[in-house]
Amino acid sequence: MSLAHELDYTPEIAAATAPFYERVKTVVPAMEWPVHAPRIAAIERLKRERNAVILAHNYQTPEIFHCVADMVGDSLALARKAAKSEADVIVLAGVHFMAETAKLLNPDKTVLIPDAAAGCSLAASITGADVARLKRAHPGVPVVTYVNTSAAVKAASDICCTSGNAVEVVNSLGVERVIFIPDEYLAKHVATQTSVEIISWRGHCEVHERFTGDEVAAYRQGHEGLDVLAHPECPPDVLAAADFVGSTARMVDYVRTKRPPRVLLLTECSMSDNVAAEISDVEFVRPCNLCPHMKRITLEKIRRSLETMGPTVEVPAAIAARARRAVERMIAVGR
């Protein structure tokens, strides 16, 4: 079948993809489905042919997150799921550092990222050379590195963490001081949760740093009975104004268990769509701070990636061995 015909919205495609649309019908307009459905059908076929799985971060759009992804979650969940994958091919629907992490944990598998330019402002804020300078300035102090970093930075570190297990990782080291990189706001939040002294770096997420405490106050005035949930990459005044601070996984757990009538998720805006598709009895107030890097990943790019088996993600062996140890140490915490 030619590409032109494969991407036609035929009655057969409509029938085959109807169960997928049921998952997202509350957040994906019906008029958009004829564009998505043929690509979803093609991706499902290619996954079978390639023995591939798709890992999708919580910030992916609903047609990716709920329709073609085999495994979903935050950075920690994806790292753990990548380590257990039995597929020959892993497609990372997220940003480049996540695909690198999947490759570190699956060195013998093919790891694809649908757009190699899907980067991260945090990952770009620090280099391996920066870590070396920090270590010289603070000899003997262990380096805890947020997973939102390159493999080269992970390789220069002692252990990695995510926003979901950062405090646990810091406390697990049994030391008085740690270097915590690169997110300054996450470091400040961790410092409020532990007696360990935190030496931080001035990296910020370009999505989360745009939220403000004044913005939270304005949302509360306009929406009675609003529960405000904030990601710890947000500035301190935002965290102070929130009802709950936690990783994206913990935000989802909060909404699932507490079922607040109205909720505001202070994180990337596709997150609200993905949770709303699952939990229809909660009203989501949606501030739209998009991640331009996450939004580089589309159904069409996923389809093309599986068709061409590229772009592939590789990590030089010398870097991979050291970075893998830091990631594996993180995964072992809390087991």
C-alpha atoms as a PDB file:
ATOM      1  CA  MET A   1       0.000   0.000   0.000  1.00  0.00           C
ATOM      2  CA  SER A   2       1.346   3.447  -0.901  1.00  0.00           C
ATOM      3  CA  LEU A   3       1.861   6.006   1.837  1.00  0.00           C
ATOM      4  CA  ALA A   4      -0.858   8.215   0.341  1.00  0.00           C
ATOM      5  CA  HIS A   5      -3.414   5.399   0.592  1.00  0.00           C
ATOM      6  CA  GLU A   6      -2.177   4.151   3.966  1.00  0.00           C
ATOM      7  CA  LEU A   7      -2.963   7.529   5.489  1.00  0.00           C
ATOM      8  CA  ASP A   8      -6.487   7.722   4.043  1.00  0.00           C
ATOM      9  CA  TYR A   9      -9.303   7.676   6.587  1.00  0.00           C
ATOM     10  CA  THR A  10     -11.243   4.702   5.261  1.00  0.00           C
ATOM     11  CA  PRO A  11     -14.182   2.869   6.845  1.00  0.00           C
ATOM     12  CA  GLU A  12     -11.751   0.063   7.698  1.00  0.00           C
ATOM     13  CA  ILE A  13      -9.412   2.477   9.486  1.00  0.00           C
ATOM     14  CA  ALA A  14     -12.351   4.073  11.276  1.00  0.00           C
ATOM     15  CA  ALA A  15     -13.521   0.684  12.568  1.00  0.00           C
ATOM     16  CA  ALA A  16     -10.021  -0.461  13.564  1.00  0.00           C
ATOM     17  CA  THR A  17      -9.276   2.705  15.515  1.00  0.00           C
ATOM     18  CA  ALA A  18     -12.686   3.214  17.120  1.00  0.00           C
ATOM     19  CA  PRO A  19     -11.531   1.685  20.448  1.00  0.00           C
ATOM     20  CA  PHE A  20      -8.657   4.162  20.551  1.00  0.00           C
ATOM     21  CA  TYR A  21     -10.978   7.099  20.030  1.00  0.00           C
ATOM     22  CA  GLU A  22     -13.121   5.939  22.938  1.00  0.00           C
ATOM     23  CA  ARG A  23     -10.104   6.582  25.185  1.00  0.00           C
ATOM     24  CA  VAL A  24      -9.625  10.192  24.078  1.00  0.00           C
ATOM     25  CA  LYS A  25     -13.024  11.375  22.848  1.00  0.00           C
ATOM     26  CA  THR A  26     -13.411  13.835  25.726  1.00  0.00           C
ATOM     27  CA  VAL A  27     -10.148  15.629  24.904  1.00  0.00           C
ATOM     28  CA  VAL A  28      -9.603  15.094  21.148  1.00  0.00           C
ATOM     29  CA  PRO A  29     -12.198  16.781  18.885  1.00  0.00           C
ATOM     30  CA  ALA A  30     -13.984  14.439  16.477  1.00  0.00           C
ATOM     31  CA  MET A  31     -12.924  16.606  13.546  1.00  0.00           C
ATOM     32  CA  GLU A  32      -9.252  15.828  14.311  1.00  0.00           C
ATOM     33  CA  TRP A  33      -9.659  12.059  14.455  1.00  0.00           C
ATOM     34  CA  PRO A  34      -9.560  11.422  10.665  1.00  0.00           C
ATOM     35  CA  VAL A  35      -6.030  12.880  10.705  1.00  0.00           C
ATOM     36  CA  HIS A  36      -4.841  10.832  13.686  1.00  0.00           C
ATOM     37  CA  ALA A  37      -6.549   7.492  13.000  1.00  0.00           C
ATOM     38  CA  PRO A  38      -4.623   6.384   9.873  1.00  0.00           C
ATOM     39  CA  ARG A  39      -1.311   7.156  11.583  1.00  0.00           C
ATOM     40  CA  ILE A  40      -2.334   5.249  14.700  1.00  0.00           C
ATOM     41  CA  ALA A  41      -3.256   2.230  12.563  1.00  0.00           C
ATOM     42  CA  ALA A  42       0.064   2.444  10.719  1.00  0.00           C
ATOM     43  CA  ILE A  43       2.020   2.721  13.973  1.00  0.00           C
ATOM     44  CA  GLU A  44       0.253  -0.301  15.436  1.00  0.00           C
ATOM     45  CA  ARG A  45       1.161  -2.321  12.338  1.00  0.00           C
ATOM     46  CA  LEU A  46       4.786  -1.185  12.428  1.00  0.00           C
ATOM     47  CA  LYS A  47       5.086  -2.004  16.133  1.00  0.00           C
ATOM     48  CA  ARG A  48       4.095  -5.595  15.387  1.00  0.00           C
ATOM     49  CA  GLU A  49       6.482  -5.851  12.453  1.00  0.00           C
ATOM     50  CA  ARG A  50       9.453  -4.378  14.341  1.00  0.00           C
ATOM     51  CA  ASN A  51       8.713  -5.969  17.745  1.00  0.00           C
ATOM     52  CA  ALA A  52       8.718  -2.431  19.076  1.00  0.00           C
ATOM     53  CA  VAL A  53       7.274  -0.687  22.105  1.00  0.00           C
ATOM     54  CA  ILE A  54       6.572   2.996  22.575  1.00  0.00           C
ATOM     55  CA  LEU A  55       7.399   4.667  25.888  1.00  0.00           C
ATOM     56  CA  ALA A  56       5.565   7.981  26.291  1.00  0.00           C
ATOM     57  CA  HIS A  57       6.113  10.659  28.894  1.00  0.00           C
ATOM     58  CA  ASN A  58       3.171  12.246  30.692  1.00  0.00           C
ATOM     59  CA  TYR A  59       3.660  15.423  28.635  1.00  0.00           C
ATOM     60  CA  GLN A  60       2.871  13.785  25.297  1.00  0.00           C
ATOM     61  CA  THR A  61      -0.404  14.647  23.589  1.00  0.00           C
ATOM     62  CA  PRO A  62      -3.417  12.370  24.231  1.00  0.00           C
ATOM     63  CA  GLU A  63      -3.400  10.712  20.800  1.00  0.00           C
ATOM     64  CA  ILE A  64       0.140   9.522  21.585  1.00  0.00           C
ATOM     65  CA  PHE A  65      -0.217   8.937  25.326  1.00  0.00           C
ATOM     66  CA  HIS A  66      -3.524   7.049  25.249  1.00  0.00           C
ATOM     67  CA  CYS A  67      -3.506   5.530  21.760  1.00  0.00           C
ATOM     68  CA  VAL A  68      -0.066   4.282  20.645  1.00  0.00           C
ATOM     69  CA  ALA A  69       2.001   4.211  23.848  1.00  0.00           C
ATOM     70  CA  ASP A  70       2.655   0.821  25.430  1.00  0.00           C
ATOM     71  CA  MET A  71       4.223   2.246  28.574  1.00  0.00           C
ATOM     72  CA  VAL A  72       3.587   5.690  30.054  1.00  0.00           C
ATOM     73  CA  GLY A  73       4.688   7.675  33.069  1.00  0.00           C
ATOM     74  CA  ASP A  74       7.120  10.172  34.506  1.00  0.00           C
ATOM     75  CA  SER A  75      10.902   9.962  34.100  1.00  0.00           C
ATOM     76  CA  LEU A  76      11.352   7.438  36.906  1.00  0.00           C
ATOM     77  CA  ALA A  77       8.563   5.177  35.660  1.00  0.00           C
ATOM     78  CA  LEU A  78       9.902   5.262  32.110  1.00  0.00           C
ATOM     79  CA  ALA A  79      13.432   4.448  33.310  1.00  0.00           C
ATOM     80  CA  ARG A  80      12.156   1.444  35.249  1.00  0.00           C
ATOM     81  CA  LYS A  81       9.955   0.252  32.390  1.00  0.00           C
ATOM     82  CA  ALA A  82      12.764   0.675  29.865  1.00  0.00           C
ATOM     83  CA  ALA A  83      14.975  -1.556  32.012  1.00  0.00           C
ATOM     84  CA  LYS A  84      12.357  -4.335  31.854  1.00  0.00           C
ATOM     85  CA  SER A  85      11.497  -4.109  28.163  1.00  0.00           C
ATOM     86  CA  GLU A  86      11.660  -7.330  26.137  1.00  0.00           C
ATOM     87  CA  ALA A  87      11.095  -5.628  22.782  1.00  0.00           C
ATOM     88  CA  ASP A  88      13.801  -5.379  20.127  1.00  0.00           C
ATOM     89  CA  VAL A  89      13.040  -1.710  19.493  1.00  0.00           C
ATOM     90  CA  ILE A  90      12.174   1.066  21.940  1.00  0.00           C
ATOM     91  CA  VAL A  91      10.645   4.291  20.644  1.00  0.00           C
ATOM     92  CA  LEU A  92      10.922   7.082  23.188  1.00  0.00           C
ATOM     93  CA  ALA A  93       8.093   9.580  22.824  1.00  0.00           C
ATOM     94  CA  GLY A  94       9.707  12.237  24.960  1.00  0.00           C
ATOM     95  CA  VAL A  95      12.910  14.250  24.877  1.00  0.00           C
ATOM     96  CA  HIS A  96      16.468  13.275  24.079  1.00  0.00           C
ATOM     97  CA  PHE A  97      17.782  12.683  27.591  1.00  0.00           C
ATOM     98  CA  MET A  98      14.957  10.178  28.157  1.00  0.00           C
ATOM     99  CA  ALA A  99      15.946   8.275  25.019  1.00  0.00           C
ATOM    100  CA  GLU A 100      19.568   8.278  26.189  1.00  0.00           C
ATOM    101  CA  THR A 101      18.452   6.830  29.532  1.00  0.00           C
ATOM    102  CA  ALA A 102      16.516   4.092  27.740  1.00  0.00           C
ATOM    103  CA  LYS A 103      19.641   3.296  25.703  1.00  0.00           C
ATOM    104  CA  LEU A 104      21.813   3.203  28.837  1.00  0.00           C
ATOM    105  CA  LEU A 105      19.509   0.573  30.326  1.00  0.00           C
ATOM    106  CA  ASN A 106      19.097  -1.329  27.043  1.00  0.00           C
ATOM    107  CA  PRO A 107      22.529  -1.157  25.351  1.00  0.00           C
ATOM    108  CA  ASP A 108      21.787  -4.069  23.005  1.00  0.00           C
ATOM    109  CA  LYS A 109      18.413  -2.779  21.823  1.00  0.00           C
ATOM    110  CA  THR A 110      17.619  -0.244  19.135  1.00  0.00           C
ATOM    111  CA  VAL A 111      16.379   2.974  20.715  1.00  0.00           C
ATOM    112  CA  LEU A 112      14.650   5.512  18.487  1.00  0.00           C
ATOM    113  CA  ILE A 113      13.630   9.092  19.120  1.00  0.00           C
ATOM    114  CA  PRO A 114      11.145  10.448  16.579  1.00  0.00           C
ATOM    115  CA  ASP A 115      12.828  13.886  16.518  1.00  0.00           C
ATOM    116  CA  ALA A 116      16.503  14.143  17.474  1.00  0.00           C
ATOM    117  CA  ALA A 117      16.061  17.876  18.127  1.00  0.00           C
ATOM    118  CA  ALA A 118      13.679  17.240  21.043  1.00  0.00           C
ATOM    119  CA  GLY A 119      15.905  18.681  23.748  1.00  0.00           C
ATOM    120  CA  CYS A 120      15.464  20.117  27.242  1.00  0.00           C
ATOM    121  CA  SER A 121      16.380  23.459  28.788  1.00  0.00           C
ATOM    122  CA  LEU A 122      17.548  21.725  31.970  1.00  0.00           C
ATOM    123  CA  ALA A 123      19.752  19.296  30.091  1.00  0.00           C
ATOM    124  CA  ALA A 124      21.229  22.220  28.156  1.00  0.00           C
ATOM    125  CA  SER A 125      21.979  24.167  31.350  1.00  0.00           C
ATOM    126  CA  ILE A 126      24.945  22.056  32.460  1.00  0.00           C
ATOM    127  CA  THR A 127      27.813  20.058  30.951  1.00  0.00           C
ATOM    128  CA  GLY A 128      30.171  17.381  32.135  1.00  0.00           C
ATOM    129  CA  ALA A 129      32.878  20.058  32.418  1.00  0.00           C
ATOM    130  CA  ASP A 130      30.611  22.064  34.726  1.00  0.00           C
ATOM    131  CA  VAL A 131      30.207  19.023  36.972  1.00  0.00           C
ATOM    132  CA  ALA A 132      33.979  18.548  37.064  1.00  0.00           C
ATOM    133  CA  ARG A 133      34.396  22.166  38.215  1.00  0.00           C
ATOM    134  CA  LEU A 134      31.779  21.691  40.937  1.00  0.00           C
ATOM    135  CA  LYS A 135      33.551  18.572  42.174  1.00  0.00           C
ATOM    136  CA  ARG A 136      36.878  20.401  42.324  1.00  0.00           C
ATOM    137  CA  ALA A 137      35.229  23.219  44.299  1.00  0.00           C
ATOM    138  CA  HIS A 138      33.641  20.735  46.731  1.00  0.00           C
ATOM    139  CA  PRO A 139      36.029  17.773  46.992  1.00  0.00           C
ATOM    140  CA  GLY A 140      34.538  14.558  48.285  1.00  0.00           C
ATOM    141  CA  VAL A 141      30.934  15.782  48.089  1.00  0.00           C
ATOM    142  CA  PRO A 142      28.738  13.331  46.121  1.00  0.00           C
ATOM    143  CA  VAL A 143      26.868  14.554  43.056  1.00  0.00           C
ATOM    144  CA  VAL A 144      23.149  13.842  42.765  1.00  0.00           C
ATOM    145  CA  THR A 145      21.985  14.480  39.225  1.00  0.00           C
ATOM    146  CA  TYR A 146      18.411  14.949  38.082  1.00  0.00           C
ATOM    147  CA  VAL A 147      17.629  12.653  35.152  1.00  0.00           C
ATOM    148  CA  ASN A 148      16.869  15.731  33.013  1.00  0.00           C
ATOM    149  CA  THR A 149      20.514  15.783  31.937  1.00  0.00           C
ATOM    150  CA  SER A 150      22.748  14.403  29.215  1.00  0.00           C
ATOM    151  CA  ALA A 151      24.502  11.057  29.522  1.00  0.00           C
ATOM    152  CA  ALA A 152      27.805  12.927  29.826  1.00  0.00           C
ATOM    153  CA  VAL A 153      26.546  14.744  32.929  1.00  0.00           C
ATOM    154  CA  LYS A 154      25.164  11.522  34.388  1.00  0.00           C
ATOM    155  CA  ALA A 155      28.554   9.912  33.800  1.00  0.00           C
ATOM    156  CA  ALA A 156      30.244  12.583  35.913  1.00  0.00           C
ATOM    157  CA  SER A 157      27.777  11.982  38.761  1.00  0.00           C
ATOM    158  CA  ASP A 158      27.444   9.533  41.635  1.00  0.00           C
ATOM    159  CA  ILE A 159      23.714   8.865  41.420  1.00  0.00           C
ATOM    160  CA  CYS A 160      20.685  10.118  39.517  1.00  0.00           C
ATOM    161  CA  CYS A 161      17.236  11.035  40.790  1.00  0.00           C
ATOM    162  CA  THR A 162      13.863  12.186  39.527  1.00  0.00           C
ATOM    163  CA  SER A 163      11.445  14.704  40.994  1.00  0.00           C
ATOM    164  CA  GLY A 164       9.575  11.737  42.467  1.00  0.00           C
ATOM    165  CA  ASN A 165      12.466  10.223  44.424  1.00  0.00           C
ATOM    166  CA  ALA A 166      14.917  13.121  44.870  1.00  0.00           C
ATOM    167  CA  VAL A 167      14.556  13.369  48.653  1.00  0.00           C
ATOM    168  CA  GLU A 168      14.808   9.610  49.043  1.00  0.00           C
ATOM    169  CA  VAL A 169      17.957   9.500  46.899  1.00  0.00           C
ATOM    170  CA  VAL A 170      19.620  12.347  48.817  1.00  0.00           C
ATOM    171  CA  ASN A 171      18.857  10.730  52.164  1.00  0.00           C
ATOM    172  CA  SER A 172      20.041   7.316  50.941  1.00  0.00           C
ATOM    173  CA  LEU A 173      23.634   8.551  50.670  1.00  0.00           C
ATOM    174  CA  GLY A 174      24.046   9.059  54.415  1.00  0.00           C
ATOM    175  CA  VAL A 175      26.153  12.211  54.044  1.00  0.00           C
ATOM    176  CA  GLU A 176      25.943  15.765  55.387  1.00  0.00           C
ATOM    177  CA  ARG A 177      26.234  17.584  52.025  1.00  0.00           C
ATOM    178  CA  VAL A 178      25.458  16.837  48.384  1.00  0.00           C
ATOM    179  CA  ILE A 179      25.848  18.657  45.099  1.00  0.00           C
ATOM    180  CA  PHE A 180      22.372  18.613  43.519  1.00  0.00           C
ATOM    181  CA  ILE A 181      22.159  19.494  39.815  1.00  0.00           C
ATOM    182  CA  PRO A 182      20.888  21.063  37.627  1.00  0.00           C
ATOM    183  CA  ASP A 183      17.418  22.335  38.654  1.00  0.00           C
ATOM    184  CA  GLU A 184      17.684  25.172  41.194  1.00  0.00           C
ATOM    185  CA  TYR A 185      14.025  25.117  42.211  1.00  0.00           C
ATOM    186  CA  LEU A 186      13.907  21.356  42.696  1.00  0.00           C
ATOM    187  CA  ALA A 187      17.081  21.659  44.791  1.00  0.00           C
ATOM    188  CA  LYS A 188      15.444  24.326  46.972  1.00  0.00           C
ATOM    189  CA  HIS A 189      12.406  22.103  47.437  1.00  0.00           C
ATOM    190  CA  VAL A 190      14.545  19.099  48.362  1.00  0.00           C
ATOM    191  CA  ALA A 191      16.407  21.274  50.885  1.00  0.00           C
ATOM    192  CA  THR A 192      13.116  21.874  52.720  1.00  0.00           C
ATOM    193  CA  GLN A 193      12.516  18.123  52.982  1.00  0.00           C
ATOM    194  CA  THR A 194      15.903  16.928  54.308  1.00  0.00           C
ATOM    195  CA  SER A 195      18.585  17.840  56.828  1.00  0.00           C
ATOM    196  CA  VAL A 196      21.274  17.289  54.196  1.00  0.00           C
ATOM    197  CA  GLU A 197      22.938  20.509  52.988  1.00  0.00           C
ATOM    198  CA  ILE A 198      22.204  21.074  49.293  1.00  0.00           C
ATOM    199  CA  ILE A 199      24.705  22.729  46.942  1.00  0.00           C
ATOM    200  CA  SER A 200      22.717  23.679  43.866  1.00  0.00           C
ATOM    201  CA  TRP A 201      23.112  24.817  40.248  1.00  0.00           C
ATOM    202  CA  ARG A 202      21.106  27.516  38.471  1.00  0.00           C
ATOM    203  CA  GLY A 203      19.315  25.455  35.856  1.00  0.00           C
ATOM    204  CA  HIS A 204      15.598  25.982  35.218  1.00  0.00           C
ATOM    205  CA  CYS A 205      12.845  24.328  33.206  1.00  0.00           C
ATOM    206  CA  GLU A 206      11.533  26.791  30.643  1.00  0.00           C
ATOM    207  CA  VAL A 207       7.985  25.492  31.182  1.00  0.00           C
ATOM    208  CA  HIS A 208       7.791  25.447  34.972  1.00  0.00           C
ATOM    209  CA  GLU A 209       9.739  28.636  35.642  1.00  0.00           C
ATOM    210  CA  ARG A 210       7.009  30.661  33.890  1.00  0.00           C
ATOM    211  CA  PHE A 211       4.434  29.960  36.606  1.00  0.00           C
ATOM    212  CA  THR A 212       4.136  32.577  39.366  1.00  0.00           C
ATOM    213  CA  GLY A 213       2.566  32.849  42.805  1.00  0.00           C
ATOM    214  CA  ASP A 214       0.432  35.762  41.582  1.00  0.00           C
ATOM    215  CA  GLU A 215      -0.889  33.537  38.802  1.00  0.00           C
ATOM    216  CA  VAL A 216      -1.923  30.913  41.364  1.00  0.00           C
ATOM    217  CA  ALA A 217      -3.753  33.591  43.394  1.00  0.00           C
ATOM    218  CA  ALA A 218      -5.595  34.753  40.284  1.00  0.00           C
ATOM    219  CA  TYR A 219      -6.702  31.225  39.444  1.00  0.00           C
ATOM    220  CA  ARG A 220      -8.008  30.749  42.992  1.00  0.00           C
ATOM    221  CA  GLN A 221     -10.068  33.937  42.739  1.00  0.00           C
ATOM    222  CA  GLY A 222     -11.624  32.799  39.483  1.00  0.00           C
ATOM    223  CA  HIS A 223     -12.306  29.182  40.453  1.00  0.00           C
ATOM    224  CA  GLU A 224     -13.917  28.412  43.801  1.00  0.00           C
ATOM    225  CA  GLY A 225     -12.764  25.260  45.592  1.00  0.00           C
ATOM    226  CA  LEU A 226      -9.688  24.828  43.403  1.00  0.00           C
ATOM    227  CA  ASP A 227      -6.996  22.291  44.354  1.00  0.00           C
ATOM    228  CA  VAL A 228      -3.611  23.496  43.092  1.00  0.00           C
ATOM    229  CA  LEU A 229      -0.973  20.851  42.357  1.00  0.00           C
ATOM    230  CA  ALA A 230       2.541  22.046  41.480  1.00  0.00           C
ATOM    231  CA  HIS A 231       5.567  20.304  40.050  1.00  0.00           C
ATOM    232  CA  PRO A 232       8.714  20.917  42.173  1.00  0.00           C
ATOM    233  CA  GLU A 233      10.492  22.473  39.180  1.00  0.00           C
ATOM    234  CA  CYS A 234       8.240  25.519  39.732  1.00  0.00           C
ATOM    235  CA  PRO A 235       9.607  28.595  41.589  1.00  0.00           C
ATOM    236  CA  PRO A 236       9.387  28.658  45.402  1.00  0.00           C
ATOM    237  CA  ASP A 237       6.520  31.186  45.521  1.00  0.00           C
ATOM    238  CA  VAL A 238       4.437  28.821  43.382  1.00  0.00           C
ATOM    239  CA  LEU A 239       5.184  25.835  45.604  1.00  0.00           C
ATOM    240  CA  ALA A 240       4.297  27.888  48.684  1.00  0.00           C
ATOM    241  CA  ALA A 241       0.927  28.770  47.142  1.00  0.00           C
ATOM    242  CA  ALA A 242       0.100  25.190  46.090  1.00  0.00           C
ATOM    243  CA  ASP A 243      -1.991  22.644  47.985  1.00  0.00           C
ATOM    244  CA  PHE A 244       0.271  19.794  46.886  1.00  0.00           C
ATOM    245  CA  VAL A 245       3.798  19.541  45.462  1.00  0.00           C
ATOM    246  CA  GLY A 246       4.937  16.425  43.651  1.00  0.00           C
ATOM    247  CA  SER A 247       6.087  14.688  40.513  1.00  0.00           C
ATOM    248  CA  THR A 248       3.698  14.141  37.632  1.00  0.00           C
ATOM    249  CA  ALA A 249       3.097  10.575  38.845  1.00  0.00           C
ATOM    250  CA  ARG A 250       2.169  11.834  42.306  1.00  0.00           C
ATOM    251  CA  MET A 251      -0.114  14.466  40.805  1.00  0.00           C
ATOM    252  CA  VAL A 252      -1.996  11.720  38.977  1.00  0.00           C
ATOM    253  CA  ASP A 253      -2.255   9.680  42.185  1.00  0.00           C
ATOM    254  CA  TYR A 254      -3.597  12.736  44.039  1.00  0.00           C
ATOM    255  CA  VAL A 255      -6.357  13.297  41.474  1.00  0.00           C
ATOM    256  CA  ARG A 256      -7.240   9.597  41.308  1.00  0.00           C
ATOM    257  CA  THR A 257      -7.535   9.146  45.061  1.00  0.00           C
ATOM    258  CA  LYS A 258      -8.874  12.501  46.272  1.00  0.00           C
ATOM    259  CA  ARG A 259     -11.125  13.273  43.275  1.00  0.00           C
ATOM    260  CA  PRO A 260     -11.207  17.046  43.919  1.00  0.00           C
ATOM    261  CA  PRO A 261     -14.107  18.731  42.111  1.00  0.00           C
ATOM    262  CA  ARG A 262     -11.770  21.228  40.443  1.00  0.00           C
ATOM    263  CA  VAL A 263      -7.991  20.996  39.973  1.00  0.00           C
ATOM    264  CA  LEU A 264      -5.135  23.020  38.503  1.00  0.00           C
ATOM    265  CA  LEU A 265      -1.984  21.147  37.466  1.00  0.00           C
ATOM    266  CA  LEU A 266       1.004  23.492  37.342  1.00  0.00           C
ATOM    267  CA  THR A 267       3.062  21.610  34.802  1.00  0.00           C
ATOM    268  CA  GLU A 268       3.133  21.036  31.033  1.00  0.00           C
ATOM    269  CA  CYS A 269      -0.403  21.416  29.736  1.00  0.00           C
ATOM    270  CA  SER A 270      -0.821  18.069  27.943  1.00  0.00           C
ATOM    271  CA  MET A 271      -0.673  16.479  31.371  1.00  0.00           C
ATOM    272  CA  SER A 272      -4.131  17.870  32.179  1.00  0.00           C
ATOM    273  CA  ASP A 273      -5.560  16.475  28.933  1.00  0.00           C
ATOM    274  CA  ASN A 274      -4.119  13.025  29.627  1.00  0.00           C
ATOM    275  CA  VAL A 275      -5.488  12.855  33.159  1.00  0.00           C
ATOM    276  CA  ALA A 276      -8.836  14.334  32.108  1.00  0.00           C
ATOM    277  CA  ALA A 277      -9.245  11.627  29.457  1.00  0.00           C
ATOM    278  CA  GLU A 278      -9.072   9.047  32.251  1.00  0.00           C
ATOM    279  CA  ILE A 279     -10.879  10.907  35.044  1.00  0.00           C
ATOM    280  CA  SER A 280     -14.021  12.528  33.699  1.00  0.00           C
ATOM    281  CA  ASP A 281     -15.615  13.559  37.009  1.00  0.00           C
ATOM    282  CA  VAL A 282     -12.929  16.171  37.815  1.00  0.00           C
ATOM    283  CA  GLU A 283     -12.896  19.631  36.243  1.00  0.00           C
ATOM    284  CA  PHE A 284      -9.419  20.620  35.053  1.00  0.00           C
ATOM    285  CA  VAL A 285      -8.446  24.284  34.912  1.00  0.00           C
ATOM    286  CA  ARG A 286      -5.832  24.404  32.177  1.00  0.00           C
ATOM    287  CA  PRO A 287      -2.959  26.894  32.176  1.00  0.00           C
ATOM    288  CA  CYS A 288      -1.271  26.290  28.836  1.00  0.00           C
ATOM    289  CA  ASN A 289       2.489  26.254  29.280  1.00  0.00           C
ATOM    290  CA  LEU A 290       3.636  24.060  26.411  1.00  0.00           C
ATOM    291  CA  CYS A 291       7.027  22.369  26.234  1.00  0.00           C
ATOM    292  CA  PRO A 292       8.294  23.132  22.718  1.00  0.00           C
ATOM    293  CA  HIS A 293      10.592  20.118  22.853  1.00  0.00           C
ATOM    294  CA  MET A 294       7.948  17.568  23.868  1.00  0.00           C
ATOM    295  CA  LYS A 295       5.708  18.934  21.144  1.00  0.00           C
ATOM    296  CA  ARG A 296       8.296  18.039  18.511  1.00  0.00           C
ATOM    297  CA  ILE A 297       7.087  14.459  18.925  1.00  0.00           C
ATOM    298  CA  THR A 298       4.029  13.746  16.765  1.00  0.00           C
ATOM    299  CA  LEU A 299       2.196  10.688  15.497  1.00  0.00           C
ATOM    300  CA  GLU A 300       3.603  11.248  12.035  1.00  0.00           C
ATOM    301  CA  LYS A 301       7.165  11.412  13.350  1.00  0.00           C
ATOM    302  CA  ILE A 302       6.617   8.232  15.376  1.00  0.00           C
ATOM    303  CA  ARG A 303       5.273   6.486  12.270  1.00  0.00           C
ATOM    304  CA  ARG A 304       8.213   7.678  10.191  1.00  0.00           C
ATOM    305  CA  SER A 305      10.676   6.658  12.899  1.00  0.00           C
ATOM    306  CA  LEU A 306       9.385   3.092  12.950  1.00  0.00           C
ATOM    307  CA  GLU A 307       9.282   2.970   9.161  1.00  0.00           C
ATOM    308  CA  THR A 308      12.862   4.184   8.666  1.00  0.00           C
ATOM    309  CA  MET A 309      14.269   2.869  11.975  1.00  0.00           C
ATOM    310  CA  GLY A 310      15.736   6.244  12.790  1.00  0.00           C
ATOM    311  CA  PRO A 311      16.897   8.511  14.281  1.00  0.00           C
ATOM    312  CA  THR A 312      18.712   6.064  16.541  1.00  0.00           C
ATOM    313  CA  VAL A 313      20.164   7.008  19.905  1.00  0.00           C
ATOM    314  CA  GLU A 314      23.724   5.989  20.727  1.00  0.00           C
ATOM    315  CA  VAL A 315      25.881   6.713  23.784  1.00  0.00           C
ATOM    316  CA  PRO A 316      29.698   6.309  23.570  1.00  0.00           C
ATOM    317  CA  ALA A 317      30.799   3.255  25.537  1.00  0.00           C
ATOM    318  CA  ALA A 318      33.099   5.118  27.921  1.00  0.00           C
ATOM    319  CA  ILE A 319      30.316   7.528  28.892  1.00  0.00           C
ATOM    320  CA  ALA A 320      27.621   4.849  28.913  1.00  0.00           C
ATOM    321  CA  ALA A 321      29.293   2.620  31.503  1.00  0.00           C
ATOM    322  CA  ARG A 322      29.600   5.422  34.074  1.00  0.00           C
ATOM    323  CA  ALA A 323      26.207   6.967  33.317  1.00  0.00           C
ATOM    324  CA  ARG A 324      24.538   3.563  33.555  1.00  0.00           C
ATOM    325  CA  ARG A 325      25.888   3.064  37.069  1.00  0.00           C
ATOM    326  CA  ALA A 326      24.399   6.389  38.179  1.00  0.00           C
ATOM    327  CA  VAL A 327      20.993   5.517  36.717  1.00  0.00           C
ATOM    328  CA  GLU A 328      21.025   1.964  38.089  1.00  0.00           C
ATOM    329  CA  ARG A 329      21.865   3.280  41.555  1.00  0.00           C
ATOM    330  CA  MET A 330      18.805   5.524  41.305  1.00  0.00           C
ATOM    331  CA  ILE A 331      16.538   2.673  40.242  1.00  0.00           C
ATOM    332  CA  ALA A 332      17.810   0.530  43.133  1.00  0.00           C
ATOM    333  CA  VAL A 333      16.759   3.138  45.724  1.00  0.00           C
ATOM    334  CA  GLY A 334      13.438   2.149  47.207  1.00  0.00           C
ATOM    335  CA  ARG A 335      13.367  -1.363  45.804  1.00  0.00           C
END
